[in-house]
Amino acid sequence: MSEWISVKDRLPAIGELALVIVSGHPLKNITLEDAFELAEWAEDGWILEMWPEWMDALVTHWMPLPEPPEEDKVETL
């Protein structure tokens, strides 16, 4: 499994979907602290899948998503 990468060390490629650790307030009445979320890096910051309008998300670490499992090749009759 991949290791967590600090955003201080490097960022994913633009548009790459990643698992991130994020804190902050996506909405006035919601607080996240070190939450796991799916997100992608864009030229102007992170875009979180669950909170796409959230502009000041504090992402500290990320890791690439694993490759999906290969389909079993089953012959049809």
C-alpha atoms as a PDB file:
ATOM      1  CA  MET A   1       0.000   0.000   0.000  1.00  0.00           C
ATOM      2  CA  SER A   2       1.133   3.524  -0.681  1.00  0.00           C
ATOM      3  CA  GLU A   3       2.380   5.803   2.051  1.00  0.00           C
ATOM      4  CA  TRP A   4       0.834   9.166   2.898  1.00  0.00           C
ATOM      5  CA  ILE A   5       2.523  12.081   1.135  1.00  0.00           C
ATOM      6  CA  SER A   6       2.697  15.483   2.797  1.00  0.00           C
ATOM      7  CA  VAL A   7       1.390  18.343   0.648  1.00  0.00           C
ATOM      8  CA  LYS A   8       4.568  20.160   1.737  1.00  0.00           C
ATOM      9  CA  ASP A   9       6.638  17.527  -0.086  1.00  0.00           C
ATOM     10  CA  ARG A  10       4.644  17.302  -3.326  1.00  0.00           C
ATOM     11  CA  LEU A  11       1.177  17.431  -4.838  1.00  0.00           C
ATOM     12  CA  PRO A  12      -0.558  14.977  -7.158  1.00  0.00           C
ATOM     13  CA  ALA A  13      -0.845  15.672 -10.860  1.00  0.00           C
ATOM     14  CA  ILE A  14      -3.614  18.081 -11.795  1.00  0.00           C
ATOM     15  CA  GLY A  15      -6.883  16.148 -12.082  1.00  0.00           C
ATOM     16  CA  GLU A  16      -5.573  13.033 -10.312  1.00  0.00           C
ATOM     17  CA  LEU A  17      -8.116  11.629  -7.852  1.00  0.00           C
ATOM     18  CA  ALA A  18      -6.537  10.952  -4.456  1.00  0.00           C
ATOM     19  CA  LEU A  19      -7.433  10.042  -0.898  1.00  0.00           C
ATOM     20  CA  VAL A  20      -6.733  13.064   1.324  1.00  0.00           C
ATOM     21  CA  ILE A  21      -6.711  13.983   4.998  1.00  0.00           C
ATOM     22  CA  VAL A  22      -8.628  17.242   5.424  1.00  0.00           C
ATOM     23  CA  SER A  23      -9.797  19.540   8.215  1.00  0.00           C
ATOM     24  CA  GLY A  24     -12.016  22.597   8.284  1.00  0.00           C
ATOM     25  CA  HIS A  25     -15.604  23.724   7.826  1.00  0.00           C
ATOM     26  CA  PRO A  26     -17.209  22.725   4.503  1.00  0.00           C
ATOM     27  CA  LEU A  27     -20.483  24.245   5.770  1.00  0.00           C
ATOM     28  CA  LYS A  28     -21.218  26.584   8.665  1.00  0.00           C
ATOM     29  CA  ASN A  29     -22.586  23.797  10.868  1.00  0.00           C
ATOM     30  CA  ILE A  30     -20.148  21.021   9.818  1.00  0.00           C
ATOM     31  CA  THR A  31     -16.613  20.566  11.105  1.00  0.00           C
ATOM     32  CA  LEU A  32     -14.193  17.959   9.781  1.00  0.00           C
ATOM     33  CA  GLU A  33     -10.993  17.098  11.636  1.00  0.00           C
ATOM     34  CA  ASP A  34      -8.461  14.824   9.947  1.00  0.00           C
ATOM     35  CA  ALA A  35     -11.230  13.333   7.793  1.00  0.00           C
ATOM     36  CA  PHE A  36     -10.589  10.970   4.897  1.00  0.00           C
ATOM     37  CA  GLU A  37     -12.078  12.321   1.665  1.00  0.00           C
ATOM     38  CA  LEU A  38     -11.680  11.816  -2.073  1.00  0.00           C
ATOM     39  CA  ALA A  39     -10.305  14.875  -3.811  1.00  0.00           C
ATOM     40  CA  GLU A  40      -8.377  16.044  -6.825  1.00  0.00           C
ATOM     41  CA  TRP A  41      -5.770  18.744  -7.142  1.00  0.00           C
ATOM     42  CA  ALA A  42      -6.564  21.625  -9.506  1.00  0.00           C
ATOM     43  CA  GLU A  43      -4.489  24.661 -10.447  1.00  0.00           C
ATOM     44  CA  ASP A  44      -6.315  26.778  -7.865  1.00  0.00           C
ATOM     45  CA  GLY A  45      -6.526  24.206  -5.024  1.00  0.00           C
ATOM     46  CA  TRP A  46      -8.232  21.032  -3.911  1.00  0.00           C
ATOM     47  CA  ILE A  47     -11.676  19.973  -5.148  1.00  0.00           C
ATOM     48  CA  LEU A  48     -13.310  17.569  -2.707  1.00  0.00           C
ATOM     49  CA  GLU A  49     -15.843  15.126  -4.128  1.00  0.00           C
ATOM     50  CA  MET A  50     -18.309  15.535  -1.234  1.00  0.00           C
ATOM     51  CA  TRP A  51     -17.844  19.305  -0.900  1.00  0.00           C
ATOM     52  CA  PRO A  52     -16.994  20.745  -4.368  1.00  0.00           C
ATOM     53  CA  GLU A  53     -17.804  24.344  -3.338  1.00  0.00           C
ATOM     54  CA  TRP A  54     -15.513  24.212  -0.279  1.00  0.00           C
ATOM     55  CA  MET A  55     -12.713  26.676  -1.047  1.00  0.00           C
ATOM     56  CA  ASP A  56     -10.548  26.733   2.125  1.00  0.00           C
ATOM     57  CA  ALA A  57     -10.146  23.029   2.895  1.00  0.00           C
ATOM     58  CA  LEU A  58      -6.948  22.301   4.827  1.00  0.00           C
ATOM     59  CA  VAL A  59      -5.472  19.208   3.189  1.00  0.00           C
ATOM     60  CA  THR A  60      -2.329  17.996   4.932  1.00  0.00           C
ATOM     61  CA  HIS A  61      -1.609  14.627   3.289  1.00  0.00           C
ATOM     62  CA  TRP A  62      -2.683  12.604   0.285  1.00  0.00           C
ATOM     63  CA  MET A  63      -2.099   9.230  -1.317  1.00  0.00           C
ATOM     64  CA  PRO A  64      -2.829   7.877  -4.785  1.00  0.00           C
ATOM     65  CA  LEU A  65      -5.764   5.527  -5.135  1.00  0.00           C
ATOM     66  CA  PRO A  66      -4.928   1.874  -5.757  1.00  0.00           C
ATOM     67  CA  GLU A  67      -5.611   0.305  -9.112  1.00  0.00           C
ATOM     68  CA  PRO A  68      -9.027  -1.401  -9.282  1.00  0.00           C
ATOM     69  CA  PRO A  69      -9.039  -5.206  -9.200  1.00  0.00           C
ATOM     70  CA  GLU A  70      -8.764  -6.982 -12.493  1.00  0.00           C
ATOM     71  CA  GLU A  71     -11.944  -8.662 -13.693  1.00  0.00           C
ATOM     72  CA  ASP A  72     -11.855 -12.436 -13.571  1.00  0.00           C
ATOM     73  CA  LYS A  73     -11.840 -13.672 -17.120  1.00  0.00           C
ATOM     74  CA  VAL A  74     -14.751 -16.093 -17.138  1.00  0.00           C
ATOM     75  CA  GLU A  75     -15.713 -17.762 -20.370  1.00  0.00           C
ATOM     76  CA  THR A  76     -19.371 -17.561 -21.205  1.00  0.00           C
ATOM     77  CA  LEU A  77     -21.140 -20.693 -22.403  1.00  0.00           C
END
